[in-house]
Amino acid sequence: MELILRKDVENLGFADDVVEVKNGYGRNYLIPQGFAVLATPSAKKVLNETLKQRAFKEKKEIEDAEKVASKISGFEIKITVKAGAGGKLFGSISNADVSEALAKEGVEIEKKFITIPGGTIKRLGQYEASVRLHRAVVTALSFDVIAQAK
């Protein structure tokens, strides 16, 4: 089943992408939830016209995202947490914690746009996360997880 996405769907595509999915997934989830519409010939024509009109605006969005990406790559983020013996954390560090640390630095990024390989961090050390600022702009963010002073 061929669909046009109306919203970003994780692990599938971005808004205004034409995707091929299984019939049940499209009919029972994507279309009723408002995430997608059927890709009929008339809908594809409307999509092409919309994409042409949006090309100029998107160019500026990409430039802004690249500015933020260069700003983020210069950050030295340290996340302080309680840790036990052997550098093992009490709890874990997730993308929400990285988002909070970025907010303290003055850059607001939603947690859903931050991806940590493996999902969560459970040990002290230096790690890297990928931050998606735009569908065409993804940057790497390195951060340290350090033990809280007792």
C-alpha atoms as a PDB file:
ATOM      1  CA  MET A   1       0.000   0.000   0.000  1.00  0.00           C
ATOM      2  CA  GLU A   2       1.413   3.354  -1.034  1.00  0.00           C
ATOM      3  CA  LEU A   3       0.807   6.277   1.356  1.00  0.00           C
ATOM      4  CA  ILE A   4       1.771   9.936   1.734  1.00  0.00           C
ATOM      5  CA  LEU A   5       2.831  10.765   5.288  1.00  0.00           C
ATOM      6  CA  ARG A   6       1.228  13.825   6.873  1.00  0.00           C
ATOM      7  CA  LYS A   7       3.444  13.725   9.987  1.00  0.00           C
ATOM      8  CA  ASP A   8       6.866  12.342  10.855  1.00  0.00           C
ATOM      9  CA  VAL A   9       6.595   8.654  11.778  1.00  0.00           C
ATOM     10  CA  GLU A  10       9.571   7.166  13.561  1.00  0.00           C
ATOM     11  CA  ASN A  11      11.351   4.382  11.673  1.00  0.00           C
ATOM     12  CA  LEU A  12       9.175   5.025   8.605  1.00  0.00           C
ATOM     13  CA  GLY A  13       9.682   8.524   7.201  1.00  0.00           C
ATOM     14  CA  PHE A  14       9.129  12.244   7.403  1.00  0.00           C
ATOM     15  CA  ALA A  15       6.092  14.359   6.604  1.00  0.00           C
ATOM     16  CA  ASP A  16       5.300  14.494   2.855  1.00  0.00           C
ATOM     17  CA  ASP A  17       7.280  11.334   2.071  1.00  0.00           C
ATOM     18  CA  VAL A  18       5.686   8.703  -0.165  1.00  0.00           C
ATOM     19  CA  VAL A  19       6.162   5.321   1.538  1.00  0.00           C
ATOM     20  CA  GLU A  20       5.220   1.720   0.864  1.00  0.00           C
ATOM     21  CA  VAL A  21       3.741  -0.123   3.873  1.00  0.00           C
ATOM     22  CA  LYS A  22       1.798  -3.312   4.503  1.00  0.00           C
ATOM     23  CA  ASN A  23      -1.959  -2.992   4.015  1.00  0.00           C
ATOM     24  CA  GLY A  24      -2.903  -3.642   7.638  1.00  0.00           C
ATOM     25  CA  TYR A  25      -0.416  -1.127   9.048  1.00  0.00           C
ATOM     26  CA  GLY A  26      -1.662   1.572   6.693  1.00  0.00           C
ATOM     27  CA  ARG A  27      -5.387   0.846   6.977  1.00  0.00           C
ATOM     28  CA  ASN A  28      -5.548   0.090  10.706  1.00  0.00           C
ATOM     29  CA  TYR A  29      -3.012   2.529  12.146  1.00  0.00           C
ATOM     30  CA  LEU A  30      -1.535   5.211   9.885  1.00  0.00           C
ATOM     31  CA  ILE A  31      -4.690   6.420   8.137  1.00  0.00           C
ATOM     32  CA  PRO A  32      -7.075   6.372  11.185  1.00  0.00           C
ATOM     33  CA  GLN A  33      -4.486   8.165  13.370  1.00  0.00           C
ATOM     34  CA  GLY A  34      -4.092  10.877  10.725  1.00  0.00           C
ATOM     35  CA  PHE A  35      -0.434  10.076  10.058  1.00  0.00           C
ATOM     36  CA  ALA A  36      -0.963   9.317   6.361  1.00  0.00           C
ATOM     37  CA  VAL A  37      -3.329   9.442   3.376  1.00  0.00           C
ATOM     38  CA  LEU A  38      -3.622   7.181   0.347  1.00  0.00           C
ATOM     39  CA  ALA A  39      -1.212   8.098  -2.444  1.00  0.00           C
ATOM     40  CA  THR A  40      -3.734   8.527  -5.258  1.00  0.00           C
ATOM     41  CA  PRO A  41      -2.613  10.235  -8.492  1.00  0.00           C
ATOM     42  CA  SER A  42      -4.420  13.452  -7.524  1.00  0.00           C
ATOM     43  CA  ALA A  43      -2.866  13.419  -4.036  1.00  0.00           C
ATOM     44  CA  LYS A  44       0.591  12.985  -5.611  1.00  0.00           C
ATOM     45  CA  LYS A  45       0.000  16.015  -7.864  1.00  0.00           C
ATOM     46  CA  VAL A  46      -1.004  18.124  -4.852  1.00  0.00           C
ATOM     47  CA  LEU A  47       2.071  16.866  -2.968  1.00  0.00           C
ATOM     48  CA  ASN A  48       4.414  17.800  -5.844  1.00  0.00           C
ATOM     49  CA  GLU A  49       2.953  21.309  -5.999  1.00  0.00           C
ATOM     50  CA  THR A  50       3.285  21.721  -2.234  1.00  0.00           C
ATOM     51  CA  LEU A  51       6.908  20.557  -2.303  1.00  0.00           C
ATOM     52  CA  LYS A  52       7.762  23.056  -5.047  1.00  0.00           C
ATOM     53  CA  GLN A  53       6.282  25.904  -3.011  1.00  0.00           C
ATOM     54  CA  ARG A  54       8.033  24.772   0.150  1.00  0.00           C
ATOM     55  CA  ALA A  55      11.522  24.405  -1.398  1.00  0.00           C
ATOM     56  CA  PHE A  56      12.533  28.027  -0.759  1.00  0.00           C
ATOM     57  CA  LYS A  57      11.304  28.040   2.847  1.00  0.00           C
ATOM     58  CA  GLU A  58      13.059  24.739   3.534  1.00  0.00           C
ATOM     59  CA  LYS A  59      16.365  26.127   2.278  1.00  0.00           C
ATOM     60  CA  LYS A  60      16.289  28.748   5.053  1.00  0.00           C
ATOM     61  CA  GLU A  61      15.307  26.111   7.640  1.00  0.00           C
ATOM     62  CA  ILE A  62      18.317  24.001   6.623  1.00  0.00           C
ATOM     63  CA  GLU A  63      20.650  26.992   6.974  1.00  0.00           C
ATOM     64  CA  ASP A  64      19.269  27.710  10.471  1.00  0.00           C
ATOM     65  CA  ALA A  65      19.631  24.034  11.448  1.00  0.00           C
ATOM     66  CA  GLU A  66      23.259  24.030  10.260  1.00  0.00           C
ATOM     67  CA  LYS A  67      23.988  27.099  12.418  1.00  0.00           C
ATOM     68  CA  VAL A  68      22.555  25.330  15.463  1.00  0.00           C
ATOM     69  CA  ALA A  69      24.519  22.171  14.558  1.00  0.00           C
ATOM     70  CA  SER A  70      27.800  24.083  14.483  1.00  0.00           C
ATOM     71  CA  LYS A  71      26.897  25.683  17.823  1.00  0.00           C
ATOM     72  CA  ILE A  72      26.083  22.303  19.391  1.00  0.00           C
ATOM     73  CA  SER A  73      29.289  20.657  18.197  1.00  0.00           C
ATOM     74  CA  GLY A  74      31.290  23.201  20.227  1.00  0.00           C
ATOM     75  CA  PHE A  75      29.568  22.360  23.518  1.00  0.00           C
ATOM     76  CA  GLU A  76      31.295  20.414  26.287  1.00  0.00           C
ATOM     77  CA  ILE A  77      28.337  18.902  28.102  1.00  0.00           C
ATOM     78  CA  LYS A  78      28.809  17.178  31.434  1.00  0.00           C
ATOM     79  CA  ILE A  79      25.927  15.307  33.027  1.00  0.00           C
ATOM     80  CA  THR A  80      26.421  14.757  36.753  1.00  0.00           C
ATOM     81  CA  VAL A  81      24.767  11.683  38.298  1.00  0.00           C
ATOM     82  CA  LYS A  82      25.006   9.488  41.373  1.00  0.00           C
ATOM     83  CA  ALA A  83      27.222   6.486  40.763  1.00  0.00           C
ATOM     84  CA  GLY A  84      28.167   3.407  42.710  1.00  0.00           C
ATOM     85  CA  ALA A  85      31.260   1.244  42.754  1.00  0.00           C
ATOM     86  CA  GLY A  86      32.861   0.512  39.417  1.00  0.00           C
ATOM     87  CA  GLY A  87      31.297   3.520  37.700  1.00  0.00           C
ATOM     88  CA  LYS A  88      27.831   2.000  37.591  1.00  0.00           C
ATOM     89  CA  LEU A  89      24.997   4.565  37.708  1.00  0.00           C
ATOM     90  CA  PHE A  90      22.030   4.621  40.047  1.00  0.00           C
ATOM     91  CA  GLY A  91      19.385   4.808  37.343  1.00  0.00           C
ATOM     92  CA  SER A  92      20.299   5.685  33.770  1.00  0.00           C
ATOM     93  CA  ILE A  93      20.869   8.548  31.352  1.00  0.00           C
ATOM     94  CA  SER A  94      18.436   8.865  28.448  1.00  0.00           C
ATOM     95  CA  ASN A  95      17.761  11.299  25.622  1.00  0.00           C
ATOM     96  CA  ALA A  96      15.595  13.370  28.012  1.00  0.00           C
ATOM     97  CA  ASP A  97      18.628  14.015  30.233  1.00  0.00           C
ATOM     98  CA  VAL A  98      20.696  15.081  27.220  1.00  0.00           C
ATOM     99  CA  SER A  99      17.855  17.402  26.146  1.00  0.00           C
ATOM    100  CA  GLU A 100      17.844  18.984  29.629  1.00  0.00           C
ATOM    101  CA  ALA A 101      21.615  19.487  29.506  1.00  0.00           C
ATOM    102  CA  LEU A 102      21.294  21.204  26.111  1.00  0.00           C
ATOM    103  CA  ALA A 103      18.525  23.428  27.501  1.00  0.00           C
ATOM    104  CA  LYS A 104      20.908  24.566  30.263  1.00  0.00           C
ATOM    105  CA  GLU A 105      23.356  25.553  27.507  1.00  0.00           C
ATOM    106  CA  GLY A 106      20.622  27.603  25.822  1.00  0.00           C
ATOM    107  CA  VAL A 107      19.569  25.270  22.994  1.00  0.00           C
ATOM    108  CA  GLU A 108      16.037  23.831  23.192  1.00  0.00           C
ATOM    109  CA  ILE A 109      15.795  20.484  21.392  1.00  0.00           C
ATOM    110  CA  GLU A 110      12.994  18.000  21.946  1.00  0.00           C
ATOM    111  CA  LYS A 111      14.084  14.645  23.308  1.00  0.00           C
ATOM    112  CA  LYS A 112      12.554  12.758  20.382  1.00  0.00           C
ATOM    113  CA  PHE A 113      15.172  14.296  18.072  1.00  0.00           C
ATOM    114  CA  ILE A 114      18.085  12.997  20.178  1.00  0.00           C
ATOM    115  CA  THR A 115      19.229   9.408  19.681  1.00  0.00           C
ATOM    116  CA  ILE A 116      21.644   7.611  21.975  1.00  0.00           C
ATOM    117  CA  PRO A 117      23.071   4.367  20.574  1.00  0.00           C
ATOM    118  CA  GLY A 118      21.795   1.561  22.790  1.00  0.00           C
ATOM    119  CA  GLY A 119      18.956   3.681  24.191  1.00  0.00           C
ATOM    120  CA  THR A 120      20.187   4.434  27.701  1.00  0.00           C
ATOM    121  CA  ILE A 121      23.521   4.858  29.452  1.00  0.00           C
ATOM    122  CA  LYS A 122      24.257   2.979  32.682  1.00  0.00           C
ATOM    123  CA  ARG A 123      27.982   3.686  33.238  1.00  0.00           C
ATOM    124  CA  LEU A 124      30.239   6.693  33.689  1.00  0.00           C
ATOM    125  CA  GLY A 125      32.280   7.808  30.692  1.00  0.00           C
ATOM    126  CA  GLN A 126      32.228   9.742  27.463  1.00  0.00           C
ATOM    127  CA  TYR A 127      29.400   9.102  25.013  1.00  0.00           C
ATOM    128  CA  GLU A 128      28.051  10.385  21.735  1.00  0.00           C
ATOM    129  CA  ALA A 129      24.479  11.039  20.669  1.00  0.00           C
ATOM    130  CA  SER A 130      23.070  12.044  17.303  1.00  0.00           C
ATOM    131  CA  VAL A 131      20.839  15.109  17.152  1.00  0.00           C
ATOM    132  CA  ARG A 132      18.425  15.519  14.239  1.00  0.00           C
ATOM    133  CA  LEU A 133      17.746  19.211  13.692  1.00  0.00           C
ATOM    134  CA  HIS A 134      16.126  18.820  10.263  1.00  0.00           C
ATOM    135  CA  ARG A 135      15.513  15.886   7.980  1.00  0.00           C
ATOM    136  CA  ALA A 136      18.707  16.857   6.109  1.00  0.00           C
ATOM    137  CA  VAL A 137      20.796  17.981   9.115  1.00  0.00           C
ATOM    138  CA  VAL A 138      21.998  15.469  11.702  1.00  0.00           C
ATOM    139  CA  THR A 139      24.920  16.261  13.986  1.00  0.00           C
ATOM    140  CA  ALA A 140      26.908  14.333  16.567  1.00  0.00           C
ATOM    141  CA  LEU A 141      26.974  15.543  20.161  1.00  0.00           C
ATOM    142  CA  SER A 142      29.586  14.230  22.581  1.00  0.00           C
ATOM    143  CA  PHE A 143      28.989  14.444  26.319  1.00  0.00           C
ATOM    144  CA  ASP A 144      30.506  13.171  29.542  1.00  0.00           C
ATOM    145  CA  VAL A 145      28.677  11.336  32.294  1.00  0.00           C
ATOM    146  CA  ILE A 146      30.518  12.101  35.531  1.00  0.00           C
ATOM    147  CA  ALA A 147      30.023  11.044  39.135  1.00  0.00           C
ATOM    148  CA  GLN A 148      28.426  13.447  41.572  1.00  0.00           C
ATOM    149  CA  ALA A 149      30.735  14.658  44.349  1.00  0.00           C
ATOM    150  CA  LYS A 150      29.799  13.061  47.652  1.00  0.00           C
END
